[in-house]
Amino acid sequence: MTPTFLLEDMKAELERLFAGHRLRNSLGDEKPIAVHIQDLPIREGPDRDGYADMDVSREQFGEEPKPPEPYILLRAKTGKIEDAEADHHVSVVILMCVADKETERNGHVDVLHLIHRVYERFAKNPVLNDKYIMNYPVDWSTVDEDTYPYYFGGMTLGFNMAAIRRIPHWNT
């Protein structure tokens, strides 16, 4: 087990958890929540490679790039193995972004709902894929700044997983 496998299993779990859950993107289209590991994929189209800053018509590039939101990013933030007998503790950061152009500005509600759904899943059953055990504390936060029409939140979950053990009488 490695932190990479943990992120892949976490991605599959969040895709399962939010299957059928749709939110609007910044164009007003409903779409499923995309889950990515580490970063958003680079979008093809006029805003790639700095074209957005140039005076270039979007018609030259065909279809306008689709906005990435709503999305969740998963990142392995830190890892710690206290000693040769300890589990490997990995902190996973979960970043969330939704868009809401409505005048009521309720995008924070969607973000808090996503945070709660993830917490609820691991509070009820802290085991992920029979390999990783979520442990407390669970930290979450939202963004203080006004980022309208985008709303951001995040949480950190810690997981214990088996660490590599020393092989007795190792012969090199």
C-alpha atoms as a PDB file:
ATOM      1  CA  MET A   1       0.000   0.000   0.000  1.00  0.00           C
ATOM      2  CA  THR A   2       1.254   3.415  -0.941  1.00  0.00           C
ATOM      3  CA  PRO A   3      -0.168   6.943  -0.650  1.00  0.00           C
ATOM      4  CA  THR A   4      -0.848   6.799  -4.398  1.00  0.00           C
ATOM      5  CA  PHE A   5      -3.038   3.718  -3.946  1.00  0.00           C
ATOM      6  CA  LEU A   6      -4.828   5.475  -1.076  1.00  0.00           C
ATOM      7  CA  LEU A   7      -5.635   8.429  -3.348  1.00  0.00           C
ATOM      8  CA  GLU A   8      -6.864   6.124  -6.110  1.00  0.00           C
ATOM      9  CA  ASP A   9      -9.111   4.247  -3.667  1.00  0.00           C
ATOM     10  CA  MET A  10     -10.347   7.548  -2.207  1.00  0.00           C
ATOM     11  CA  LYS A  11     -11.148   8.830  -5.710  1.00  0.00           C
ATOM     12  CA  ALA A  12     -13.193   5.695  -6.445  1.00  0.00           C
ATOM     13  CA  GLU A  13     -15.006   6.041  -3.112  1.00  0.00           C
ATOM     14  CA  LEU A  14     -15.926   9.701  -3.667  1.00  0.00           C
ATOM     15  CA  GLU A  15     -17.089   8.948  -7.215  1.00  0.00           C
ATOM     16  CA  ARG A  16     -19.321   6.252  -5.739  1.00  0.00           C
ATOM     17  CA  LEU A  17     -20.497   8.543  -2.922  1.00  0.00           C
ATOM     18  CA  PHE A  18     -21.473  11.353  -5.292  1.00  0.00           C
ATOM     19  CA  ALA A  19     -22.728   9.219  -8.205  1.00  0.00           C
ATOM     20  CA  GLY A  20     -25.908  10.794  -9.517  1.00  0.00           C
ATOM     21  CA  HIS A  21     -25.262  14.047  -7.612  1.00  0.00           C
ATOM     22  CA  ARG A  22     -25.217  16.924 -10.086  1.00  0.00           C
ATOM     23  CA  LEU A  23     -24.412  20.603  -9.590  1.00  0.00           C
ATOM     24  CA  ARG A  24     -24.318  23.534 -11.987  1.00  0.00           C
ATOM     25  CA  ASN A  25     -21.058  24.740 -13.460  1.00  0.00           C
ATOM     26  CA  SER A  26     -20.256  28.386 -14.193  1.00  0.00           C
ATOM     27  CA  LEU A  27     -22.091  28.155 -17.535  1.00  0.00           C
ATOM     28  CA  GLY A  28     -25.255  27.021 -15.746  1.00  0.00           C
ATOM     29  CA  ASP A  29     -25.072  23.432 -17.037  1.00  0.00           C
ATOM     30  CA  GLU A  30     -25.745  20.616 -14.592  1.00  0.00           C
ATOM     31  CA  LYS A  31     -22.952  18.099 -14.474  1.00  0.00           C
ATOM     32  CA  PRO A  32     -21.618  15.388 -12.178  1.00  0.00           C
ATOM     33  CA  ILE A  33     -18.915  16.193  -9.635  1.00  0.00           C
ATOM     34  CA  ALA A  34     -15.531  15.354 -11.131  1.00  0.00           C
ATOM     35  CA  VAL A  35     -12.914  13.875  -8.794  1.00  0.00           C
ATOM     36  CA  HIS A  36      -9.237  14.373  -9.639  1.00  0.00           C
ATOM     37  CA  ILE A  37      -5.997  13.405  -7.958  1.00  0.00           C
ATOM     38  CA  GLN A  38      -3.521  16.215  -7.242  1.00  0.00           C
ATOM     39  CA  ASP A  39      -4.564  18.822  -9.837  1.00  0.00           C
ATOM     40  CA  LEU A  40      -7.131  19.613 -12.484  1.00  0.00           C
ATOM     41  CA  PRO A  41      -6.317  18.289 -15.947  1.00  0.00           C
ATOM     42  CA  ILE A  42      -5.084  20.925 -18.376  1.00  0.00           C
ATOM     43  CA  ARG A  43      -7.979  22.050 -20.529  1.00  0.00           C
ATOM     44  CA  GLU A  44      -7.702  22.092 -24.276  1.00  0.00           C
ATOM     45  CA  GLY A  45      -8.736  25.218 -26.115  1.00  0.00           C
ATOM     46  CA  PRO A  46      -8.151  28.944 -26.207  1.00  0.00           C
ATOM     47  CA  ASP A  47      -7.138  29.374 -22.572  1.00  0.00           C
ATOM     48  CA  ARG A  48      -4.366  26.770 -22.798  1.00  0.00           C
ATOM     49  CA  ASP A  49      -0.781  27.995 -23.082  1.00  0.00           C
ATOM     50  CA  GLY A  50      -1.683  31.626 -22.399  1.00  0.00           C
ATOM     51  CA  TYR A  51      -4.066  32.187 -25.302  1.00  0.00           C
ATOM     52  CA  ALA A  52      -6.628  33.695 -22.938  1.00  0.00           C
ATOM     53  CA  ASP A  53      -4.336  36.690 -22.479  1.00  0.00           C
ATOM     54  CA  MET A  54      -3.920  37.252 -26.206  1.00  0.00           C
ATOM     55  CA  ASP A  55      -6.281  38.977 -28.595  1.00  0.00           C
ATOM     56  CA  VAL A  56      -7.263  35.728 -30.324  1.00  0.00           C
ATOM     57  CA  SER A  57     -10.824  34.854 -31.238  1.00  0.00           C
ATOM     58  CA  ARG A  58     -12.220  31.673 -29.689  1.00  0.00           C
ATOM     59  CA  GLU A  59     -13.680  30.731 -33.072  1.00  0.00           C
ATOM     60  CA  GLN A  60     -10.160  29.910 -34.254  1.00  0.00           C
ATOM     61  CA  PHE A  61     -10.048  27.078 -31.732  1.00  0.00           C
ATOM     62  CA  GLY A  62     -13.487  25.591 -32.151  1.00  0.00           C
ATOM     63  CA  GLU A  63     -15.607  24.716 -29.122  1.00  0.00           C
ATOM     64  CA  GLU A  64     -15.138  26.716 -25.953  1.00  0.00           C
ATOM     65  CA  PRO A  65     -13.443  24.762 -23.152  1.00  0.00           C
ATOM     66  CA  LYS A  66     -15.820  23.340 -20.580  1.00  0.00           C
ATOM     67  CA  PRO A  67     -15.431  24.719 -17.057  1.00  0.00           C
ATOM     68  CA  PRO A  68     -13.988  22.196 -14.613  1.00  0.00           C
ATOM     69  CA  GLU A  69     -16.453  22.783 -11.779  1.00  0.00           C
ATOM     70  CA  PRO A  70     -17.957  21.212  -9.837  1.00  0.00           C
ATOM     71  CA  TYR A  71     -14.897  19.260  -8.791  1.00  0.00           C
ATOM     72  CA  ILE A  72     -13.031  17.647  -5.939  1.00  0.00           C
ATOM     73  CA  LEU A  73      -9.237  17.432  -5.785  1.00  0.00           C
ATOM     74  CA  LEU A  74      -7.449  14.837  -3.665  1.00  0.00           C
ATOM     75  CA  ARG A  75      -3.895  15.417  -2.486  1.00  0.00           C
ATOM     76  CA  ALA A  76      -1.610  13.468  -0.200  1.00  0.00           C
ATOM     77  CA  LYS A  77      -0.386  16.323   1.983  1.00  0.00           C
ATOM     78  CA  THR A  78       1.843  14.669   4.568  1.00  0.00           C
ATOM     79  CA  GLY A  79       2.920  11.263   5.735  1.00  0.00           C
ATOM     80  CA  LYS A  80       4.460  10.087   8.959  1.00  0.00           C
ATOM     81  CA  ILE A  81       5.836   6.814  10.265  1.00  0.00           C
ATOM     82  CA  GLU A  82       6.759   7.234  13.942  1.00  0.00           C
ATOM     83  CA  ASP A  83       8.981   4.167  14.283  1.00  0.00           C
ATOM     84  CA  ALA A  84       9.695   0.722  12.796  1.00  0.00           C
ATOM     85  CA  GLU A  85       6.532  -0.746  14.366  1.00  0.00           C
ATOM     86  CA  ALA A  86       4.101   2.102  13.637  1.00  0.00           C
ATOM     87  CA  ASP A  87       1.504   2.403  10.920  1.00  0.00           C
ATOM     88  CA  HIS A  88       2.017   4.836   8.086  1.00  0.00           C
ATOM     89  CA  HIS A  89      -0.158   7.903   8.753  1.00  0.00           C
ATOM     90  CA  VAL A  90      -1.134   9.843   5.608  1.00  0.00           C
ATOM     91  CA  SER A  91      -3.028  13.147   5.606  1.00  0.00           C
ATOM     92  CA  VAL A  92      -5.302  13.537   2.603  1.00  0.00           C
ATOM     93  CA  VAL A  93      -6.486  17.012   1.660  1.00  0.00           C
ATOM     94  CA  ILE A  94      -9.832  17.165  -0.121  1.00  0.00           C
ATOM     95  CA  LEU A  95     -10.423  20.441  -1.997  1.00  0.00           C
ATOM     96  CA  MET A  96     -13.887  21.252  -3.352  1.00  0.00           C
ATOM     97  CA  CYS A  97     -15.103  23.823  -5.858  1.00  0.00           C
ATOM     98  CA  VAL A  98     -18.646  24.620  -6.953  1.00  0.00           C
ATOM     99  CA  ALA A  99     -20.053  27.466  -9.022  1.00  0.00           C
ATOM    100  CA  ASP A 100     -23.234  29.388  -8.298  1.00  0.00           C
ATOM    101  CA  LYS A 101     -24.159  32.486 -10.323  1.00  0.00           C
ATOM    102  CA  GLU A 102     -27.536  32.959  -8.639  1.00  0.00           C
ATOM    103  CA  THR A 103     -28.072  36.279  -6.866  1.00  0.00           C
ATOM    104  CA  GLU A 104     -28.761  34.541  -3.535  1.00  0.00           C
ATOM    105  CA  ARG A 105     -25.104  33.416  -3.520  1.00  0.00           C
ATOM    106  CA  ASN A 106     -25.753  30.049  -1.890  1.00  0.00           C
ATOM    107  CA  GLY A 107     -22.782  28.152  -3.313  1.00  0.00           C
ATOM    108  CA  HIS A 108     -21.425  27.783   0.215  1.00  0.00           C
ATOM    109  CA  VAL A 109     -24.407  25.529   0.957  1.00  0.00           C
ATOM    110  CA  ASP A 110     -23.284  23.075  -1.738  1.00  0.00           C
ATOM    111  CA  VAL A 111     -19.714  23.137  -0.413  1.00  0.00           C
ATOM    112  CA  LEU A 112     -20.863  22.479   3.162  1.00  0.00           C
ATOM    113  CA  HIS A 113     -23.094  19.679   1.903  1.00  0.00           C
ATOM    114  CA  LEU A 114     -20.144  18.020   0.135  1.00  0.00           C
ATOM    115  CA  ILE A 115     -18.002  18.329   3.264  1.00  0.00           C
ATOM    116  CA  HIS A 116     -20.751  16.837   5.403  1.00  0.00           C
ATOM    117  CA  ARG A 117     -21.332  13.918   3.021  1.00  0.00           C
ATOM    118  CA  VAL A 118     -17.630  12.987   3.097  1.00  0.00           C
ATOM    119  CA  TYR A 119     -17.492  13.294   6.886  1.00  0.00           C
ATOM    120  CA  GLU A 120     -20.713  11.312   7.296  1.00  0.00           C
ATOM    121  CA  ARG A 121     -19.382   8.488   5.135  1.00  0.00           C
ATOM    122  CA  PHE A 122     -16.192   8.089   7.214  1.00  0.00           C
ATOM    123  CA  ALA A 123     -17.875   8.735  10.579  1.00  0.00           C
ATOM    124  CA  LYS A 124     -20.232   5.823   9.895  1.00  0.00           C
ATOM    125  CA  ASN A 125     -17.492   3.540   8.592  1.00  0.00           C
ATOM    126  CA  PRO A 126     -13.872   4.709   8.958  1.00  0.00           C
ATOM    127  CA  VAL A 127     -12.493   1.872   6.810  1.00  0.00           C
ATOM    128  CA  LEU A 128     -11.706   2.512   3.153  1.00  0.00           C
ATOM    129  CA  ASN A 129     -11.430  -0.483   0.820  1.00  0.00           C
ATOM    130  CA  ASP A 130     -10.463  -2.813   3.696  1.00  0.00           C
ATOM    131  CA  LYS A 131      -6.979  -1.243   3.694  1.00  0.00           C
ATOM    132  CA  TYR A 132      -7.070   2.210   5.250  1.00  0.00           C
ATOM    133  CA  ILE A 133      -8.532   3.444   8.525  1.00  0.00           C
ATOM    134  CA  MET A 134      -9.596   7.067   8.902  1.00  0.00           C
ATOM    135  CA  ASN A 135      -8.605   8.623  12.204  1.00  0.00           C
ATOM    136  CA  TYR A 136      -9.442  11.855  13.971  1.00  0.00           C
ATOM    137  CA  PRO A 137      -9.265  14.791  14.006  1.00  0.00           C
ATOM    138  CA  VAL A 138     -11.206  15.733  10.904  1.00  0.00           C
ATOM    139  CA  ASP A 139     -10.519  19.325   9.863  1.00  0.00           C
ATOM    140  CA  TRP A 140     -12.564  21.328   7.381  1.00  0.00           C
ATOM    141  CA  SER A 141     -12.812  24.941   6.295  1.00  0.00           C
ATOM    142  CA  THR A 142     -14.270  27.241   3.677  1.00  0.00           C
ATOM    143  CA  VAL A 143     -12.682  30.231   1.966  1.00  0.00           C
ATOM    144  CA  ASP A 144     -13.010  33.600   3.714  1.00  0.00           C
ATOM    145  CA  GLU A 145     -12.661  35.758   0.607  1.00  0.00           C
ATOM    146  CA  ASP A 146     -15.426  36.626  -1.816  1.00  0.00           C
ATOM    147  CA  THR A 147     -14.742  34.399  -4.826  1.00  0.00           C
ATOM    148  CA  TYR A 148     -18.170  34.695  -6.479  1.00  0.00           C
ATOM    149  CA  PRO A 149     -19.331  32.827  -8.532  1.00  0.00           C
ATOM    150  CA  TYR A 150     -16.961  30.133  -7.248  1.00  0.00           C
ATOM    151  CA  TYR A 151     -17.176  28.642  -3.769  1.00  0.00           C
ATOM    152  CA  PHE A 152     -14.373  26.628  -2.220  1.00  0.00           C
ATOM    153  CA  GLY A 153     -13.985  24.401   0.784  1.00  0.00           C
ATOM    154  CA  GLY A 154     -11.706  21.692   1.944  1.00  0.00           C
ATOM    155  CA  MET A 155     -11.061  19.112   4.554  1.00  0.00           C
ATOM    156  CA  THR A 156      -8.201  17.020   5.828  1.00  0.00           C
ATOM    157  CA  LEU A 157      -8.646  13.380   6.735  1.00  0.00           C
ATOM    158  CA  GLY A 158      -5.925  11.246   8.246  1.00  0.00           C
ATOM    159  CA  PHE A 159      -5.596   7.586   7.336  1.00  0.00           C
ATOM    160  CA  ASN A 160      -3.526   4.821   8.862  1.00  0.00           C
ATOM    161  CA  MET A 161      -2.200   2.187   6.536  1.00  0.00           C
ATOM    162  CA  ALA A 162       0.278  -0.606   6.903  1.00  0.00           C
ATOM    163  CA  ALA A 163       3.889   0.482   6.725  1.00  0.00           C
ATOM    164  CA  ILE A 164       6.778  -1.511   5.331  1.00  0.00           C
ATOM    165  CA  ARG A 165       8.321  -3.734   8.001  1.00  0.00           C
ATOM    166  CA  ARG A 166      11.925  -4.736   8.455  1.00  0.00           C
ATOM    167  CA  ILE A 167      12.661  -8.282   7.336  1.00  0.00           C
ATOM    168  CA  PRO A 168      14.491 -10.179  10.076  1.00  0.00           C
ATOM    169  CA  HIS A 169      17.910 -11.538   9.129  1.00  0.00           C
ATOM    170  CA  TRP A 170      18.019  -9.623   5.865  1.00  0.00           C
ATOM    171  CA  ASN A 171      20.915 -10.812   3.703  1.00  0.00           C
ATOM    172  CA  THR A 172      22.196  -8.356   1.157  1.00  0.00           C
END
